[in-house]
Amino acid sequence: MQLSTFDLVIVFGYAIALIAIATLVSRERAGHQKDSSDFFLAGKALPWWAVGASLIAANISAEQIIGMSGSGYVVGLAIATYEWLAAVTLIVVGKFFLPVFLKNEIYTMPQFLERRYDGRVKTVMSIFWLALYTFVNLTAILWLGATAINALTGFDITFALIVLAGFAVAYSIYGGLKAVALTDIIQVAMLVGGGCLITWIALNEVSDGAGVIAGMGVLIDEAPGKFDMILDSDHPEYMNLPGIGVLMIGMWVMHFSYWGFNQYIIQRALGAKSVDEAQRGIVFAAFLKLFMPLIIVVPGIAAFVLAQDATSGIEVERPDAAYPALMALTPVGIRGLIFAALIAAIVSSLGSMMNSISTIFTLDIYKPMRDSASEGHLVTVGRLVSICAVIIAVAVAQPLLGNFPQAFQFIQEFTGFFTPGIVALFVLGVFWKSATANGALAAAIGSFGLSVLGKLYLDWMPFLDRVGWIFLTCLGIMFAMAMIERKDQGEKAVSIDGVSFSTSSLYNLGALVVVVTLGLLYWAFW
């Protein structure tokens, strides 16, 4: 795919406009110096639309768009379970966990662990999250984003790494979370708009110009096997999406870890004006998650059908080339807009990850060692940490990930080594007063150890099934430690007596629509 001069003008114009808008919305009122709350939590003043848009923009990056389209090409609609079940997860997090975090004025996930357990648990998990976010997540976003740009345009990968990193720093370093969150509505508009254009063009091509409805009919008729949500045990992708197992414990553990207890994601909701505003943002994000497969997975299925037709002109050498192949069908100008949407997805995720890294380091590691540090000093430290993190990610991206042909899948499974323990720590930490710090440490370390053993000796078991069993084992470890120690947690136990779990009629209606819609989708495509 080649970008014309006009396409490049659109992309550069978008970049300049985004940096200018981010700087503008990040300015503080006259006489007010930006403090740590402003930089790390947007002054706890985010409106619902910024919360919802930022949740999605932080989640969706170029590797998800291209990678999930590739999975749509190979597997079909079944891969959409990652998107659709996330919508229900968001609803549960918004009702049962978010009110607890906001009531207790939690800024970071390690801060919650310290209040609930002790400083050891906080320190261990802070170091883990910093290492994971810097050497796995941030590096992966940069590397896979750069390789996507290389595949689409032919730009040198090293050049793409540097440009992406510089762009992310330029638009997010001054304003912090406020710059990221308040511009994410633009990013999401670009993402959804570009995705809709690709879907419309692909379906119109499939139907020979008869329109998108006719195109969907052609897809269902010519590739019926691509519209099964639950895979049979003899399906080649069963180990990744184990049939009815995708609706069982493992997938939910992965989702709750990501959407409920992940600083990178939940930080947006923690920066909301109020619980009600945060919950409205959660519902908005849940609706967007229901919509995402239409603009990410369906194009992959369309590319599969078109590739079977020698007259279509579509050639897909590998699954991840499905989305770029469809982009090549777009006219000049539209191609620039869609490419800008991809860039928007990458830099939004980069900005979000950088801010989360700086938040955990500054508030959970640095600030306790420098009690006298001024608010301005903490903001400066946060900015420096963001820059250092992205420099490290650029430096190690190719050595770490360059030799992995399926880097994204490897990263998902590596992250999953810790996921069962994290979910056990938070679920019992919130709702079971007897959970102890020693039990929490044992579960966190045990989660990794058991996951490694499972990978080595239970490779016949689907990954999601292993996650589910290890989660149950971590719960058992924490229960056993509590019974052995029999310590009165006293003030360490999280009090939920003053937390209101009641939600507005708007939230309840939105939740009902999400659940009913999801039920209908699974009923239609089971």
Protein backbone atom coordinates (compact mmCIF):
# COMPACT_ATOMS: atom_id res chain seq x y z
CA MET A 1 0.00 0.00 0.00
CA GLN A 2 1.36 3.40 -0.99
CA LEU A 3 0.38 6.70 0.55
CA SER A 4 0.01 9.63 -1.82
CA THR A 5 1.20 13.13 -1.00
CA PHE A 6 -2.38 14.08 -0.16
CA ASP A 7 -2.64 11.11 2.22
CA LEU A 8 0.56 12.16 3.97
CA VAL A 9 -0.74 15.73 4.30
CA ILE A 10 -3.84 14.36 6.06
CA VAL A 11 -1.72 12.25 8.44
CA PHE A 12 0.66 15.10 9.32
CA GLY A 13 -2.23 17.52 9.66
CA TYR A 14 -3.88 15.16 12.13
CA ALA A 15 -0.66 14.86 14.14
CA ILE A 16 -0.17 18.61 14.40
CA ALA A 17 -3.82 19.20 15.29
CA LEU A 18 -3.74 16.53 18.02
CA ILE A 19 -0.63 17.98 19.66
CA ALA A 20 -2.14 21.48 19.56
CA ILE A 21 -5.47 20.34 21.03
CA ALA A 22 -3.77 18.26 23.75
CA THR A 23 -1.71 21.28 24.79
CA LEU A 24 -4.75 23.55 24.76
CA VAL A 25 -7.00 21.33 26.90
CA SER A 26 -4.16 20.70 29.37
CA ARG A 27 -3.68 24.33 30.32
CA GLU A 28 -4.49 25.14 33.93
CA ARG A 29 -6.48 28.16 35.03
CA ALA A 30 -4.54 31.33 35.79
CA GLY A 31 -2.63 31.14 39.07
CA HIS A 32 -2.93 27.35 39.43
CA GLN A 33 0.19 25.22 39.20
CA LYS A 34 -0.29 21.71 37.81
CA ASP A 35 -0.09 19.23 40.70
CA SER A 36 0.13 15.44 40.86
CA SER A 37 -3.67 15.05 40.86
CA ASP A 38 -3.88 17.14 37.68
CA PHE A 39 -1.11 15.23 35.92
CA PHE A 40 -1.89 11.66 37.00
CA LEU A 41 -5.70 11.81 37.46
CA ALA A 42 -6.69 14.80 35.30
CA GLY A 43 -7.66 16.70 38.46
CA LYS A 44 -10.40 14.10 39.04
CA ALA A 45 -12.57 16.11 36.69
CA LEU A 46 -13.07 13.85 33.65
CA PRO A 47 -16.61 13.83 32.18
CA TRP A 48 -18.29 10.54 31.27
CA TRP A 49 -17.61 10.82 27.55
CA ALA A 50 -13.88 11.28 28.17
CA VAL A 51 -13.80 8.29 30.54
CA GLY A 52 -15.58 6.01 28.07
CA ALA A 53 -13.63 7.14 25.00
CA SER A 54 -10.33 6.92 26.84
CA LEU A 55 -11.04 3.37 28.03
CA ILE A 56 -11.49 2.26 24.43
CA ALA A 57 -8.66 4.33 22.98
CA ALA A 58 -6.25 2.93 25.58
CA ASN A 59 -7.42 -0.60 24.79
CA ILE A 60 -7.40 -0.60 20.99
CA SER A 61 -4.07 -0.17 19.23
CA ALA A 62 -2.78 -1.02 15.77
CA GLU A 63 -1.78 -4.54 16.76
CA GLN A 64 -5.35 -5.23 17.94
CA ILE A 65 -6.84 -3.85 14.74
CA ILE A 66 -4.52 -5.72 12.41
CA GLY A 67 -4.10 -8.78 14.63
CA MET A 68 -7.81 -9.24 15.35
CA SER A 69 -8.67 -8.75 11.68
CA GLY A 70 -6.12 -11.48 10.98
CA SER A 71 -7.85 -13.70 13.52
CA GLY A 72 -11.15 -12.90 11.80
CA TYR A 73 -9.55 -14.07 8.56
CA VAL A 74 -8.48 -17.38 10.14
CA VAL A 75 -11.04 -18.07 12.89
CA GLY A 76 -13.98 -15.83 12.09
CA LEU A 77 -16.41 -14.23 14.50
CA ALA A 78 -15.36 -16.46 17.42
CA ILE A 79 -12.48 -14.08 18.15
CA ALA A 80 -15.10 -11.41 18.93
CA THR A 81 -15.64 -13.08 22.30
CA TYR A 82 -12.72 -10.98 23.57
CA GLU A 83 -14.66 -7.83 22.70
CA TRP A 84 -18.19 -8.86 23.60
CA LEU A 85 -17.48 -10.44 26.99
CA ALA A 86 -15.44 -7.35 27.87
CA ALA A 87 -18.66 -5.33 27.66
CA VAL A 88 -20.25 -7.38 30.46
CA THR A 89 -17.02 -7.23 32.47
CA LEU A 90 -17.10 -3.44 32.30
CA ILE A 91 -20.67 -3.39 33.63
CA VAL A 92 -19.71 -5.58 36.62
CA VAL A 93 -16.56 -3.54 37.35
CA GLY A 94 -18.57 -0.32 37.21
CA LYS A 95 -21.16 -1.57 39.69
CA PHE A 96 -19.15 -3.58 42.23
CA PHE A 97 -15.48 -2.51 42.16
CA LEU A 98 -15.30 1.08 40.95
CA PRO A 99 -17.44 2.48 43.84
CA VAL A 100 -15.06 0.83 46.32
CA PHE A 101 -11.98 2.35 44.68
CA LEU A 102 -13.47 5.82 44.42
CA LYS A 103 -14.93 5.77 47.95
CA ASN A 104 -11.47 4.94 49.32
CA GLU A 105 -9.84 7.64 47.15
CA ILE A 106 -7.57 5.17 45.36
CA TYR A 107 -5.11 6.67 42.85
CA THR A 108 -3.26 3.50 41.90
CA MET A 109 -3.80 -0.25 42.16
CA PRO A 110 -0.62 -0.74 44.26
CA GLN A 111 -1.96 1.89 46.69
CA PHE A 112 -5.08 -0.25 47.19
CA LEU A 113 -2.94 -3.33 47.81
CA GLU A 114 -0.94 -1.49 50.48
CA ARG A 115 -4.08 -0.31 52.27
CA ARG A 116 -5.66 -3.74 52.12
CA TYR A 117 -2.61 -5.93 52.75
CA ASP A 118 0.78 -4.31 53.45
CA GLY A 119 3.77 -2.54 51.96
CA ARG A 120 5.39 -5.80 50.82
CA VAL A 121 2.48 -6.63 48.57
CA LYS A 122 2.42 -3.09 47.21
CA THR A 123 6.15 -3.06 46.46
CA VAL A 124 6.20 -6.48 44.83
CA MET A 125 3.23 -5.70 42.60
CA SER A 126 4.49 -2.16 41.81
CA ILE A 127 7.78 -3.56 40.54
CA PHE A 128 5.95 -6.27 38.62
CA TRP A 129 3.60 -3.79 36.96
CA LEU A 130 6.41 -1.36 36.10
CA ALA A 131 8.44 -4.15 34.50
CA LEU A 132 5.42 -5.54 32.68
CA TYR A 133 4.20 -2.17 31.40
CA THR A 134 7.67 -1.05 30.27
CA PHE A 135 9.27 -4.21 28.88
CA VAL A 136 6.15 -5.99 27.65
CA ASN A 137 3.17 -3.70 27.05
CA LEU A 138 4.82 -0.41 26.06
CA THR A 139 7.47 -2.23 24.05
CA ALA A 140 4.83 -4.35 22.32
CA ILE A 141 2.67 -1.37 21.40
CA LEU A 142 5.68 0.38 19.89
CA TRP A 143 7.12 -2.66 18.12
CA LEU A 144 3.90 -4.06 16.69
CA GLY A 145 2.70 -0.56 15.79
CA ALA A 146 5.98 0.12 13.97
CA THR A 147 5.86 -3.21 12.14
CA ALA A 148 2.27 -2.48 11.12
CA ILE A 149 3.35 0.89 9.69
CA ASN A 150 6.25 -0.83 7.95
CA ALA A 151 3.90 -3.39 6.40
CA LEU A 152 1.46 -0.69 5.29
CA THR A 153 3.89 1.91 3.98
CA GLY A 154 7.36 0.43 3.69
CA PHE A 155 8.81 2.94 6.20
CA ASP A 156 11.88 1.67 8.05
CA ILE A 157 10.91 0.03 11.36
CA THR A 158 13.50 1.93 13.42
CA PHE A 159 12.29 5.18 11.91
CA ALA A 160 8.70 4.24 12.69
CA LEU A 161 9.63 3.40 16.31
CA ILE A 162 11.25 6.78 16.84
CA VAL A 163 8.45 8.74 15.15
CA LEU A 164 5.72 6.97 17.14
CA ALA A 165 7.58 7.49 20.41
CA GLY A 166 8.22 11.15 19.65
CA PHE A 167 4.59 11.74 18.67
CA ALA A 168 3.30 10.10 21.87
CA VAL A 169 5.66 12.16 24.03
CA ALA A 170 4.78 15.41 22.23
CA TYR A 171 1.05 15.08 22.76
CA SER A 172 0.95 13.61 26.27
CA ILE A 173 3.99 14.81 28.23
CA TYR A 174 2.71 18.27 29.15
CA GLY A 175 -0.84 17.50 30.21
CA GLY A 176 -0.55 13.90 31.46
CA LEU A 177 -3.84 12.02 31.81
CA LYS A 178 -5.90 15.12 30.99
CA ALA A 179 -4.16 15.52 27.62
CA VAL A 180 -4.65 11.83 26.85
CA ALA A 181 -8.25 11.44 28.04
CA LEU A 182 -9.70 14.67 26.66
CA THR A 183 -8.24 14.03 23.20
CA ASP A 184 -9.23 10.36 23.19
CA ILE A 185 -12.71 11.30 21.99
CA ILE A 186 -10.97 12.47 18.79
CA GLN A 187 -8.93 9.26 18.68
CA VAL A 188 -12.02 7.09 19.08
CA ALA A 189 -13.90 9.07 16.44
CA MET A 190 -10.97 8.49 14.06
CA LEU A 191 -10.79 4.82 15.00
CA VAL A 192 -14.52 4.15 14.60
CA GLY A 193 -14.83 6.32 11.50
CA GLY A 194 -11.86 4.69 9.79
CA GLY A 195 -13.08 1.23 10.76
CA CYS A 196 -16.56 1.92 9.40
CA LEU A 197 -15.08 3.07 6.10
CA ILE A 198 -13.02 -0.11 5.76
CA THR A 199 -16.02 -2.29 6.64
CA TRP A 200 -18.26 -0.46 4.18
CA ILE A 201 -15.71 -0.69 1.36
CA ALA A 202 -15.02 -4.39 2.06
CA LEU A 203 -18.69 -5.41 2.23
CA ASN A 204 -19.50 -3.36 -0.86
CA GLU A 205 -16.66 -5.11 -2.68
CA VAL A 206 -17.89 -8.54 -1.57
CA SER A 207 -21.39 -7.79 -2.90
CA ASP A 208 -20.10 -6.34 -6.19
CA GLY A 209 -21.47 -2.92 -5.32
CA ALA A 210 -24.84 -4.09 -3.98
CA GLY A 211 -24.23 -2.54 -0.54
CA VAL A 212 -23.21 -3.53 2.97
CA ILE A 213 -26.37 -5.51 3.86
CA ALA A 214 -25.98 -7.62 0.74
CA GLY A 215 -22.29 -7.97 1.55
CA MET A 216 -23.04 -9.41 4.99
CA GLY A 217 -25.41 -11.88 3.35
CA VAL A 218 -22.65 -12.97 0.98
CA LEU A 219 -20.22 -13.49 3.86
CA ILE A 220 -22.69 -15.67 5.77
CA ASP A 221 -23.53 -17.68 2.65
CA GLU A 222 -19.97 -18.20 1.40
CA ALA A 223 -18.19 -18.58 4.75
CA PRO A 224 -20.74 -19.99 7.21
CA GLY A 225 -17.99 -21.58 9.31
CA LYS A 226 -16.63 -18.12 10.08
CA PHE A 227 -19.78 -17.20 12.00
CA ASP A 228 -19.59 -19.81 14.77
CA MET A 229 -18.94 -18.24 18.19
CA ILE A 230 -18.32 -21.62 19.89
CA LEU A 231 -15.66 -23.73 18.16
CA ASP A 232 -15.75 -27.53 17.97
CA SER A 233 -12.92 -29.49 19.60
CA ASP A 234 -11.52 -30.48 16.19
CA HIS A 235 -11.17 -26.84 15.07
CA PRO A 236 -7.52 -25.83 14.45
CA GLU A 237 -7.91 -22.83 16.79
CA TYR A 238 -9.59 -24.74 19.62
CA MET A 239 -6.50 -24.43 21.87
CA ASN A 240 -6.83 -20.63 21.71
CA LEU A 241 -10.63 -20.50 21.88
CA PRO A 242 -11.69 -23.73 23.64
CA GLY A 243 -15.34 -24.02 22.66
CA ILE A 244 -17.73 -23.49 25.54
CA GLY A 245 -14.64 -22.89 27.67
CA VAL A 246 -14.47 -19.29 26.43
CA LEU A 247 -17.57 -18.59 28.53
CA MET A 248 -16.10 -20.21 31.63
CA ILE A 249 -13.72 -18.98 34.31
CA GLY A 250 -10.50 -18.37 32.36
CA MET A 251 -11.79 -15.72 29.96
CA TRP A 252 -13.53 -13.86 32.79
CA VAL A 253 -10.33 -13.88 34.86
CA MET A 254 -8.43 -12.36 31.94
CA HIS A 255 -11.11 -9.70 31.47
CA PHE A 256 -11.42 -8.71 35.14
CA SER A 257 -7.66 -8.45 35.48
CA TYR A 258 -7.48 -6.18 32.43
CA TRP A 259 -10.59 -4.02 32.85
CA GLY A 260 -10.88 -3.93 36.64
CA PHE A 261 -7.44 -4.12 38.23
CA ASN A 262 -5.11 -2.80 35.56
CA GLN A 263 -3.73 0.70 36.21
CA TYR A 264 -3.36 1.27 32.49
CA ILE A 265 -7.14 0.98 32.05
CA ILE A 266 -8.87 1.76 35.36
CA GLN A 267 -6.94 5.03 35.80
CA ARG A 268 -9.40 6.72 33.43
CA ALA A 269 -12.35 5.88 35.68
CA LEU A 270 -10.41 6.92 38.80
CA GLY A 271 -10.02 10.37 37.24
CA ALA A 272 -13.77 10.89 36.80
CA LYS A 273 -15.72 13.76 38.40
CA SER A 274 -17.84 11.36 40.43
CA VAL A 275 -18.93 7.74 40.74
CA ASP A 276 -21.99 8.44 38.58
CA GLU A 277 -19.88 10.11 35.89
CA ALA A 278 -17.41 7.19 35.92
CA GLN A 279 -20.23 4.67 35.62
CA ARG A 280 -21.75 6.51 32.67
CA GLY A 281 -18.35 6.36 31.00
CA ILE A 282 -18.19 2.63 31.73
CA VAL A 283 -21.55 2.05 30.00
CA PHE A 284 -20.42 4.14 27.02
CA ALA A 285 -17.28 2.00 26.72
CA ALA A 286 -19.36 -1.20 27.01
CA PHE A 287 -21.51 -0.15 24.06
CA LEU A 288 -18.40 0.62 22.02
CA LYS A 289 -17.01 -2.86 22.82
CA LEU A 290 -20.17 -4.45 21.40
CA PHE A 291 -19.63 -2.47 18.22
CA MET A 292 -15.91 -3.15 17.75
CA PRO A 293 -16.11 -6.57 16.02
CA LEU A 294 -18.07 -4.97 13.18
CA ILE A 295 -15.13 -2.71 12.31
CA ILE A 296 -12.28 -5.07 13.23
CA VAL A 297 -13.34 -8.73 12.81
CA VAL A 298 -15.83 -8.48 9.93
CA PRO A 299 -13.22 -6.90 7.60
CA GLY A 300 -11.01 -9.95 8.22
CA ILE A 301 -13.84 -12.30 7.24
CA ALA A 302 -14.50 -10.16 4.15
CA ALA A 303 -10.82 -10.39 3.19
CA PHE A 304 -11.06 -14.20 3.48
CA VAL A 305 -14.01 -14.33 1.07
CA LEU A 306 -12.42 -11.88 -1.37
CA ALA A 307 -9.13 -13.81 -1.34
CA GLN A 308 -10.98 -16.92 -2.57
CA ASP A 309 -12.09 -14.99 -5.67
CA ALA A 310 -9.23 -14.70 -8.15
CA THR A 311 -10.97 -11.77 -9.87
CA SER A 312 -11.15 -9.63 -6.71
CA GLY A 313 -7.52 -8.56 -6.88
CA ILE A 314 -7.11 -9.28 -3.13
CA GLU A 315 -4.12 -11.39 -2.17
CA VAL A 316 -3.50 -12.20 1.49
CA GLU A 317 -0.14 -13.89 2.06
CA ARG A 318 -0.60 -14.18 5.83
CA PRO A 319 -3.54 -13.46 8.17
CA ASP A 320 -2.12 -10.18 9.53
CA ALA A 321 -2.00 -8.87 5.96
CA ALA A 322 -5.82 -8.99 5.67
CA TYR A 323 -6.45 -5.46 6.95
CA PRO A 324 -3.65 -3.84 4.90
CA ALA A 325 -4.96 -5.65 1.81
CA LEU A 326 -8.37 -4.03 2.32
CA MET A 327 -6.78 -0.63 2.92
CA ALA A 328 -5.25 -0.90 -0.53
CA LEU A 329 -8.80 -0.81 -1.95
CA THR A 330 -9.48 2.64 -0.56
CA PRO A 331 -9.16 5.78 -2.70
CA VAL A 332 -6.64 8.55 -2.14
CA GLY A 333 -7.64 10.73 0.80
CA ILE A 334 -9.76 8.04 2.42
CA ARG A 335 -6.60 5.95 2.71
CA GLY A 336 -4.92 8.82 4.53
CA LEU A 337 -7.84 9.09 6.96
CA ILE A 338 -7.76 5.37 7.73
CA PHE A 339 -3.99 5.43 8.17
CA ALA A 340 -4.40 8.40 10.52
CA ALA A 341 -6.93 6.31 12.47
CA LEU A 342 -4.31 3.59 12.89
CA ILE A 343 -1.79 6.15 14.10
CA ALA A 344 -4.44 7.50 16.49
CA ALA A 345 -4.88 4.02 17.97
CA ILE A 346 -1.14 3.57 18.46
CA VAL A 347 -0.28 6.93 20.03
CA SER A 348 -3.32 6.89 22.30
CA SER A 349 -2.27 3.53 23.73
CA LEU A 350 1.32 4.73 24.04
CA GLY A 351 0.29 7.91 25.86
CA SER A 352 -1.95 5.95 28.22
CA MET A 353 0.75 3.40 29.02
CA MET A 354 3.41 6.08 29.61
CA ASN A 355 1.12 7.91 32.01
CA SER A 356 0.36 4.74 33.95
CA ILE A 357 4.05 3.88 34.27
CA SER A 358 4.85 7.37 35.55
CA THR A 359 1.87 7.26 37.95
CA ILE A 360 2.91 4.00 39.63
CA PHE A 361 6.59 4.93 39.83
CA THR A 362 6.01 8.46 41.12
CA LEU A 363 3.18 7.82 43.60
CA ASP A 364 3.98 4.28 44.76
CA ILE A 365 7.80 4.12 44.59
CA TYR A 366 9.25 7.65 44.58
CA LYS A 367 6.85 9.66 46.73
CA PRO A 368 7.08 7.39 49.82
CA MET A 369 10.86 7.89 49.73
CA ARG A 370 10.53 11.68 49.34
CA ASP A 371 7.72 12.78 51.65
CA SER A 372 8.81 16.39 51.35
CA ALA A 373 8.69 16.49 47.57
CA SER A 374 6.54 19.34 46.24
CA GLU A 375 3.64 18.78 43.86
CA GLY A 376 5.58 20.46 41.06
CA HIS A 377 8.55 18.18 41.69
CA LEU A 378 6.34 15.09 41.49
CA VAL A 379 4.93 16.24 38.14
CA THR A 380 8.49 16.76 36.84
CA VAL A 381 9.47 13.28 38.01
CA GLY A 382 6.41 11.85 36.31
CA ARG A 383 7.32 13.50 33.01
CA LEU A 384 10.92 12.29 33.20
CA VAL A 385 9.78 8.74 33.97
CA SER A 386 7.45 8.81 30.95
CA ILE A 387 10.31 9.87 28.68
CA CYS A 388 12.72 7.31 30.15
CA ALA A 389 10.15 4.52 29.78
CA VAL A 390 9.53 5.21 26.11
CA ILE A 391 13.27 5.49 25.40
CA ILE A 392 13.83 2.10 27.04
CA ALA A 393 10.96 0.63 25.02
CA VAL A 394 12.41 1.93 21.73
CA ALA A 395 15.85 0.55 22.64
CA VAL A 396 14.69 -2.97 23.60
CA ALA A 397 11.78 -3.43 21.18
CA GLN A 398 13.65 -5.16 18.37
CA PRO A 399 15.99 -7.26 20.55
CA LEU A 400 13.07 -8.50 22.67
CA LEU A 401 10.37 -8.99 20.06
CA GLY A 402 12.09 -9.02 16.68
CA ASN A 403 12.59 -12.79 16.69
CA PHE A 404 9.05 -13.72 17.72
CA PRO A 405 6.88 -14.39 14.64
CA GLN A 406 3.74 -14.19 16.81
CA ALA A 407 4.83 -11.61 19.37
CA PHE A 408 1.34 -10.47 20.30
CA GLN A 409 0.11 -13.98 21.18
CA PHE A 410 3.27 -14.62 23.22
CA ILE A 411 2.76 -11.39 25.17
CA GLN A 412 -0.87 -12.25 25.93
CA GLU A 413 0.13 -15.61 27.38
CA PHE A 414 3.07 -14.14 29.34
CA THR A 415 0.78 -11.54 30.91
CA GLY A 416 -1.65 -14.34 31.72
CA PHE A 417 0.97 -15.95 33.99
CA PHE A 418 0.21 -13.29 36.62
CA THR A 419 -3.46 -12.69 35.90
CA PRO A 420 -4.99 -15.41 38.15
CA GLY A 421 -3.13 -14.18 41.23
CA ILE A 422 -3.98 -10.53 40.57
CA VAL A 423 -7.70 -11.25 40.32
CA ALA A 424 -7.61 -13.38 43.48
CA LEU A 425 -5.86 -10.54 45.39
CA PHE A 426 -8.45 -7.96 44.43
CA VAL A 427 -11.63 -10.04 44.62
CA LEU A 428 -10.86 -11.40 48.09
CA GLY A 429 -9.26 -8.11 49.13
CA VAL A 430 -12.51 -6.27 48.49
CA PHE A 431 -15.11 -8.82 49.55
CA TRP A 432 -13.44 -11.07 52.16
CA LYS A 433 -12.17 -9.42 55.33
CA SER A 434 -10.10 -12.43 56.43
CA ALA A 435 -7.69 -12.41 53.46
CA THR A 436 -4.11 -11.85 54.71
CA ALA A 437 -0.97 -10.21 53.31
CA ASN A 438 0.98 -13.49 53.45
CA GLY A 439 -1.81 -15.19 51.55
CA ALA A 440 -1.75 -12.41 48.96
CA LEU A 441 2.01 -12.76 48.45
CA ALA A 442 1.70 -16.54 48.21
CA ALA A 443 -1.06 -16.23 45.59
CA ALA A 444 0.85 -13.65 43.54
CA ILE A 445 4.04 -15.73 43.46
CA GLY A 446 2.13 -18.98 43.14
CA SER A 447 0.24 -17.67 40.13
CA PHE A 448 3.49 -17.23 38.22
CA GLY A 449 5.00 -20.52 39.38
CA LEU A 450 1.89 -22.56 38.59
CA SER A 451 1.54 -20.87 35.20
CA VAL A 452 5.11 -21.78 34.26
CA LEU A 453 4.54 -25.39 35.34
CA GLY A 454 1.27 -25.45 33.42
CA LYS A 455 2.98 -24.15 30.29
CA LEU A 456 5.70 -26.79 30.57
CA TYR A 457 3.68 -29.84 31.59
CA LEU A 458 0.05 -29.10 30.66
CA ASP A 459 0.58 -27.81 27.14
CA TRP A 460 -2.27 -30.09 25.99
CA MET A 461 -4.70 -27.94 27.99
CA PRO A 462 -6.05 -24.76 26.34
CA PHE A 463 -4.48 -21.60 27.76
CA LEU A 464 -7.79 -20.15 28.99
CA ASP A 465 -8.65 -23.38 30.81
CA ARG A 466 -5.27 -23.29 32.58
CA VAL A 467 -5.91 -19.69 33.65
CA GLY A 468 -9.22 -20.74 35.18
CA TRP A 469 -7.76 -23.65 37.17
CA ILE A 470 -4.81 -21.59 38.40
CA PHE A 471 -7.20 -18.84 39.54
CA LEU A 472 -9.17 -21.35 41.60
CA THR A 473 -5.88 -22.64 43.05
CA CYS A 474 -4.85 -19.08 44.01
CA LEU A 475 -8.18 -18.61 45.78
CA GLY A 476 -7.50 -21.87 47.63
CA ILE A 477 -4.04 -20.67 48.65
CA MET A 478 -5.45 -17.45 50.09
CA PHE A 479 -8.23 -19.27 51.93
CA ALA A 480 -5.74 -21.78 53.36
CA MET A 481 -3.32 -19.07 54.54
CA ALA A 482 -6.17 -17.18 56.21
CA MET A 483 -7.26 -20.33 58.05
CA ILE A 484 -3.68 -21.08 59.16
CA GLU A 485 -2.90 -17.53 60.35
CA ARG A 486 -6.32 -16.65 61.74
CA LYS A 487 -5.31 -13.00 62.07
CA ASP A 488 -7.79 -10.24 62.77
CA GLN A 489 -7.35 -7.90 59.81
CA GLY A 490 -8.92 -5.00 61.70
CA GLU A 491 -8.30 -1.72 59.94
CA LYS A 492 -6.62 -3.50 57.02
CA ALA A 493 -9.93 -4.95 55.87
CA VAL A 494 -11.67 -2.82 53.28
CA SER A 495 -14.91 -1.46 54.66
CA ILE A 496 -17.69 -1.59 52.13
CA ASP A 497 -20.37 -0.64 54.65
CA GLY A 498 -20.39 2.97 53.46
CA VAL A 499 -20.09 2.10 49.77
CA SER A 500 -23.25 2.42 47.72
CA PHE A 501 -23.62 -0.27 45.09
CA SER A 502 -26.87 1.20 43.82
CA THR A 503 -26.67 2.56 40.29
CA SER A 504 -28.70 5.08 38.34
CA SER A 505 -31.65 4.08 36.17
CA LEU A 506 -29.58 5.10 33.13
CA TYR A 507 -26.79 2.73 34.17
CA ASN A 508 -29.23 -0.09 34.83
CA LEU A 509 -30.93 0.43 31.47
CA GLY A 510 -27.56 0.48 29.69
CA ALA A 511 -26.46 -2.68 31.49
CA LEU A 512 -29.70 -4.43 30.52
CA VAL A 513 -29.31 -3.45 26.86
CA VAL A 514 -25.68 -4.69 26.84
CA VAL A 515 -26.58 -8.07 28.39
CA VAL A 516 -29.64 -8.62 26.17
CA THR A 517 -27.72 -7.62 23.05
CA LEU A 518 -24.91 -9.99 23.95
CA GLY A 519 -27.38 -12.81 24.56
CA LEU A 520 -28.98 -12.22 21.17
CA LEU A 521 -25.60 -12.18 19.42
CA TYR A 522 -24.60 -15.51 20.96
CA TRP A 523 -28.03 -16.96 20.19
CA ALA A 524 -27.71 -15.90 16.55
CA PHE A 525 -24.12 -17.06 16.02
CA TRP A 526 -23.70 -19.92 18.51
